[in-house]
Structure formats: C-alpha cells, structure tokens
N, C-alpha and C. Protein backbone atom coordinates (compact mmCIF):
# COMPACT_ATOMS: atom_id res chain seq x y z
N MET A 1 1.00 -1.07 -0.25
CA MET A 1 -0.05 -0.07 0.13
C MET A 1 0.72 1.19 0.25
N LEU A 2 0.33 2.12 -0.87
CA LEU A 2 1.43 2.97 -1.15
C LEU A 2 1.32 4.20 0.10
N ILE A 3 0.17 4.28 0.62
CA ILE A 3 0.26 5.21 1.96
C ILE A 3 1.19 4.83 3.02
N LEU A 4 0.78 3.15 3.28
CA LEU A 4 1.72 2.80 4.11
C LEU A 4 3.11 2.79 4.28
N SER A 5 3.76 3.09 2.65
CA SER A 5 5.10 3.27 2.24
C SER A 5 5.51 4.42 2.73
N ALA A 6 4.70 5.23 2.34
CA ALA A 6 4.78 6.78 2.79
C ALA A 6 5.06 7.32 4.02
N ILE A 7 4.05 6.46 4.97
CA ILE A 7 4.34 6.72 6.28
C ILE A 7 5.68 5.92 7.22
N GLN A 8 6.11 5.04 6.35
CA GLN A 8 6.98 4.32 6.91
C GLN A 8 8.46 5.20 6.64
N ASN A 9 8.43 5.68 5.39
CA ASN A 9 9.56 6.67 4.81
C ASN A 9 9.32 7.88 5.86
N ILE A 10 8.29 8.41 6.17
CA ILE A 10 8.09 9.77 7.35
C ILE A 10 8.48 9.20 8.29
N ASN A 11 8.38 8.07 9.04
CA ASN A 11 8.96 7.63 10.27
C ASN A 11 10.37 7.68 9.98
N GLY A 12 11.03 7.07 9.23
CA GLY A 12 12.47 6.71 9.18
C GLY A 12 13.14 7.81 8.95
N TYR A 13 12.40 8.86 8.22
CA TYR A 13 13.66 9.82 7.68
C TYR A 13 13.22 11.13 8.42
N GLY A 14 12.02 11.46 8.47
CA GLY A 14 11.69 12.59 9.14
C GLY A 14 12.49 13.02 10.42
N PRO A 15 12.48 12.18 11.76
CA PRO A 15 12.91 12.30 12.99
C PRO A 15 14.37 13.41 12.46
N ARG A 16 15.19 12.92 11.70
CA ARG A 16 16.49 13.41 11.29
C ARG A 16 16.52 14.96 10.92
N VAL A 17 15.23 15.05 10.50
CA VAL A 17 15.35 16.68 10.09
C VAL A 17 14.00 17.42 11.06
N GLY A 18 13.86 16.84 12.06
CA GLY A 18 12.86 17.18 13.18
C GLY A 18 11.23 17.14 12.83
N TYR A 19 10.97 16.10 11.96
CA TYR A 19 9.36 15.98 11.70
C TYR A 19 9.15 14.40 12.21
N ARG A 20 7.70 14.52 12.99
CA ARG A 20 7.32 13.44 13.73
C ARG A 20 5.89 13.37 13.18
N LEU A 21 5.36 12.26 12.78
CA LEU A 21 3.84 12.31 12.87
C LEU A 21 2.86 12.19 14.05
N ASN A 22 1.84 13.12 13.70
CA ASN A 22 0.93 12.97 15.10
C ASN A 22 0.10 12.13 14.94
N THR A 23 0.03 10.80 15.35
CA THR A 23 -0.86 9.60 15.02
C THR A 23 -1.90 9.91 15.85
N ALA A 24 -2.26 10.77 16.56
CA ALA A 24 -3.68 11.62 17.23
C ALA A 24 -4.35 12.13 16.68
N LYS A 25 -3.94 12.61 16.04
CA LYS A 25 -4.71 13.87 14.72
C LYS A 25 -4.95 13.70 13.25
N GLY A 26 -5.63 14.09 12.91
CA GLY A 26 -6.54 14.10 11.77
C GLY A 26 -7.44 12.71 11.50
N MET A 27 -7.46 12.42 10.05
CA MET A 27 -8.12 11.10 9.84
C MET A 27 -7.87 10.60 8.58
N ILE A 28 -7.98 9.13 8.94
CA ILE A 28 -7.95 8.07 7.69
C ILE A 28 -8.89 7.60 7.67
N PHE A 29 -9.51 7.87 6.43
CA PHE A 29 -10.56 7.37 5.55
C PHE A 29 -10.13 5.89 5.04
N LEU A 30 -10.67 4.88 5.56
CA LEU A 30 -10.07 3.53 4.69
C LEU A 30 -11.39 3.53 3.47
N ASP A 31 -11.14 2.77 2.53
CA ASP A 31 -11.98 2.57 1.44
C ASP A 31 -12.85 1.69 1.70
N ARG A 32 -13.79 1.00 0.87
CA ARG A 32 -14.77 0.21 0.87
C ARG A 32 -13.48 -1.36 0.48
N CYS A 33 -13.90 -2.61 1.32
CA CYS A 33 -13.25 -3.65 1.12
C CYS A 33 -14.18 -4.68 0.86
N ASP A 34 -13.69 -5.60 -0.15
CA ASP A 34 -14.59 -6.66 -1.01
C ASP A 34 -14.55 -7.82 0.23
N THR A 35 -13.62 -8.04 0.93
CA THR A 35 -13.36 -9.10 1.56
C THR A 35 -13.29 -8.90 3.30
N LEU A 36 -13.82 -9.40 4.20
CA LEU A 36 -13.33 -9.16 5.57
C LEU A 36 -11.83 -8.99 6.17
N ALA A 37 -10.95 -9.63 5.10
CA ALA A 37 -9.24 -9.90 5.33
C ALA A 37 -9.12 -8.31 4.90
N GLU A 38 -9.65 -8.24 3.87
CA GLU A 38 -9.38 -6.59 3.51
C GLU A 38 -9.95 -5.55 4.52
N SER A 39 -10.84 -5.64 5.24
CA SER A 39 -11.40 -4.83 6.13
C SER A 39 -10.41 -4.66 7.41
N THR A 40 -9.86 -5.42 7.61
CA THR A 40 -9.09 -5.62 8.79
C THR A 40 -7.14 -4.43 8.53
N VAL A 41 -7.34 -3.74 7.34
CA VAL A 41 -6.59 -3.14 7.09
C VAL A 41 -5.68 -2.13 8.22
N HIS A 42 -7.08 -1.66 8.95
CA HIS A 42 -6.77 -1.11 9.98
C HIS A 42 -5.66 -0.99 10.87
N GLN A 43 -5.65 -2.70 11.06
CA GLN A 43 -4.46 -3.04 11.96
C GLN A 43 -2.93 -2.55 11.78
N ALA A 44 -2.71 -2.52 10.07
CA ALA A 44 -1.61 -1.92 9.82
C ALA A 44 -0.96 -0.47 10.21
N TYR A 45 -2.17 0.31 10.30
CA TYR A 45 -2.04 1.88 10.71
C TYR A 45 -1.87 1.76 12.23
N ARG A 46 -2.71 0.89 12.81
CA ARG A 46 -2.39 0.60 14.60
C ARG A 46 -1.18 0.04 14.70
N ASP A 47 -0.61 -0.37 13.96
CA ASP A 47 0.85 -1.06 14.20
C ASP A 47 1.94 0.51 13.89
N PHE A 48 1.43 1.28 13.09
CA PHE A 48 2.00 2.29 13.16
C PHE A 48 1.77 3.41 14.75
N HIS A 49 1.12 3.05 15.34
CA HIS A 49 0.60 3.85 16.54
C HIS A 49 -0.40 4.97 16.10
N PHE A 50 -1.08 4.62 15.12
CA PHE A 50 -2.14 5.33 14.90
C PHE A 50 -3.38 5.29 15.96
N GLU A 51 -4.01 6.09 16.53
CA GLU A 51 -5.14 6.14 17.35
C GLU A 51 -6.47 5.93 16.61
N LEU A 52 -7.04 5.14 17.20
CA LEU A 52 -8.50 4.36 16.44
C LEU A 52 -9.29 5.44 16.13
N SER A 53 -9.20 6.06 16.99
CA SER A 53 -10.39 7.18 16.80
C SER A 53 -9.91 8.23 15.19
N VAL A 54 -8.60 8.00 14.97
CA VAL A 54 -8.46 8.89 13.58
C VAL A 54 -8.47 7.56 12.49
N ILE A 55 -9.00 6.40 12.67
CA ILE A 55 -9.06 5.42 11.34
C ILE A 55 -10.46 5.57 11.28
N ALA A 56 -10.67 5.66 10.06
CA ALA A 56 -12.67 5.69 9.68
C ALA A 56 -12.82 4.04 9.12
N VAL A 57 -13.54 3.38 9.51
CA VAL A 57 -13.76 2.52 8.63
C VAL A 57 -15.33 2.74 7.66
N HIS A 58 -14.92 2.11 6.62
CA HIS A 58 -16.04 2.32 5.45
C HIS A 58 -16.94 1.96 5.89
N PRO A 59 -18.13 2.41 5.87
CA PRO A 59 -19.86 2.27 6.35
C PRO A 59 -19.88 0.57 5.59
N ASN A 60 -19.83 0.83 4.65
CA ASN A 60 -19.93 -0.83 4.00
C ASN A 60 -19.44 -1.88 4.73
N ASN A 61 -18.06 -1.67 5.37
CA ASN A 61 -17.87 -2.76 6.03
C ASN A 61 -17.82 -2.59 7.45
N SER A 62 -18.99 -1.82 7.97
CA SER A 62 -19.13 -1.98 9.36
C SER A 62 -20.59 -2.81 9.53
N PRO A 63 -20.95 -3.26 10.79
CA PRO A 63 -21.89 -4.24 11.30
C PRO A 63 -23.36 -3.16 10.97
N ASP A 64 -23.12 -2.00 11.36
CA ASP A 64 -23.97 -0.74 11.05
C ASP A 64 -23.94 0.16 10.08
N PRO A 65 -24.15 -0.35 8.64
CA PRO A 65 -23.83 0.84 7.91
C PRO A 65 -24.49 2.27 7.65
N ALA A 66 -25.61 2.23 8.08
CA ALA A 66 -26.25 3.62 8.36
C ALA A 66 -26.31 4.56 9.27
N THR A 67 -25.63 3.97 10.46
CA THR A 67 -25.07 4.78 11.91
C THR A 67 -23.66 5.24 11.38
N SER A 68 -22.75 3.84 10.56
CA SER A 68 -21.27 4.31 10.24
C SER A 68 -21.31 5.50 9.70
N ALA A 69 -22.38 5.46 8.49
CA ALA A 69 -22.11 6.74 7.71
C ALA A 69 -22.18 8.01 7.88
N LEU A 70 -22.83 8.20 9.41
CA LEU A 70 -23.26 9.39 9.74
C LEU A 70 -22.05 10.02 10.51
N ASN A 71 -20.93 9.00 10.70
CA ASN A 71 -19.53 9.43 11.17
C ASN A 71 -18.46 9.37 10.50
N TYR A 72 -18.60 8.85 9.11
CA TYR A 72 -17.73 8.45 8.32
C TYR A 72 -17.77 10.03 7.52
N GLY A 73 -16.71 10.76 8.17
CA GLY A 73 -16.55 12.24 7.60
C GLY A 73 -15.53 13.03 8.52
N SER A 74 -15.40 14.34 8.39
CA SER A 74 -14.63 15.12 8.71
C SER A 74 -14.81 16.43 8.09
N LYS A 75 -14.34 17.68 8.60
CA LYS A 75 -14.10 18.90 8.12
C LYS A 75 -12.55 18.92 7.87
N LEU A 76 -12.36 19.30 6.48
CA LEU A 76 -11.07 20.07 6.05
C LEU A 76 -11.16 21.30 5.34
N PHE A 77 -10.15 22.18 5.50
CA PHE A 77 -10.33 23.43 5.39
C PHE A 77 -11.06 24.06 5.20
N GLY A 78 -12.17 23.65 6.20
CA GLY A 78 -13.77 24.32 6.48
C GLY A 78 -14.90 23.87 5.47
N SER A 79 -14.57 22.76 5.10
CA SER A 79 -15.48 21.78 4.14
C SER A 79 -15.34 20.67 4.51
N TYR A 80 -17.11 20.01 4.49
CA TYR A 80 -17.12 18.70 4.71
C TYR A 80 -16.88 17.58 3.82
N ILE A 81 -15.85 16.55 4.13
CA ILE A 81 -15.55 15.56 3.00
C ILE A 81 -16.16 14.32 3.97
N GLY A 82 -16.43 13.44 3.59
CA GLY A 82 -17.13 11.91 3.85
C GLY A 82 -18.21 11.42 2.95
N SER A 83 -18.60 10.63 3.83
CA SER A 83 -20.36 10.07 2.99
C SER A 83 -20.88 11.23 2.99
N ASP A 84 -22.09 10.80 1.96
CA ASP A 84 -23.43 11.83 1.67
C ASP A 84 -24.13 12.06 2.92
N SER A 85 -24.35 10.93 3.66
CA SER A 85 -25.15 11.19 4.99
C SER A 85 -24.37 12.23 6.04
N PHE A 86 -23.14 12.10 6.28
CA PHE A 86 -21.99 12.56 7.13
C PHE A 86 -22.15 14.18 6.79
N ILE A 87 -22.38 14.42 5.39
CA ILE A 87 -22.07 16.20 5.44
C ILE A 87 -23.67 16.45 4.78
N THR A 88 -24.56 15.75 4.74
CA THR A 88 -25.94 16.36 4.68
C THR A 88 -26.13 16.18 6.50
N HIS A 89 -26.13 15.62 7.20
CA HIS A 89 -26.19 15.71 8.72
C HIS A 89 -25.36 16.93 9.22
N ALA A 90 -24.09 17.38 8.73
CA ALA A 90 -23.55 18.32 9.10
C ALA A 90 -23.90 19.47 8.80
N LEU A 91 -24.45 19.64 7.66
CA LEU A 91 -25.02 21.10 7.37
C LEU A 91 -26.61 21.34 7.49
N ILE A 92 -27.24 20.48 8.28
CA ILE A 92 -28.44 20.81 8.77
C ILE A 92 -28.45 20.81 10.54
C-alpha cells in the first residue's frame, strides 16, 4: 500500500529533520473492502501507532452501515468531506 510506505518513510527519515507524525490527529478514511481480510487493514495503521479514533472504517464494512455513514467524515479546510450522510447531517 502506497500510503503505508509513505508513512514508513516519514517515520524513518522525518526525525532526522525534526519531523514526526502526530498519530492522534487528523483522519484516515479507509476505502470499501470486498473481503473481511481486506477490511482489517486498519491494523496496519495501528502498527504505526495511529489512534483508533482517527481511523474511519468505510460504512459498507461496518456491522451498522447507516449509523457508520453518519460518522464517516470530517471537516477539512472549512469543507465537509466524507459520506453523503455525514455531509448532509453536518450541514443541517
């Protein structure tokens, strides 16, 4: 996975120049997975010490997709991003 390789490089080379990822901030939106094995990819991010609160599992891979869709999003530079349900709920 490209993102995991980038994180590995940042963690490897970043501290040399004073840069460290803050694994408790931001959001990681996981894409829809076709299999249960693929949907456990969040463990790879946990291996890099990302907090569970910043890893958003795609609603289709959740036991309760409707409720999960309401939480699958964030605000980025003043705009809402994420599922249609999240954006609609955030705007009303």
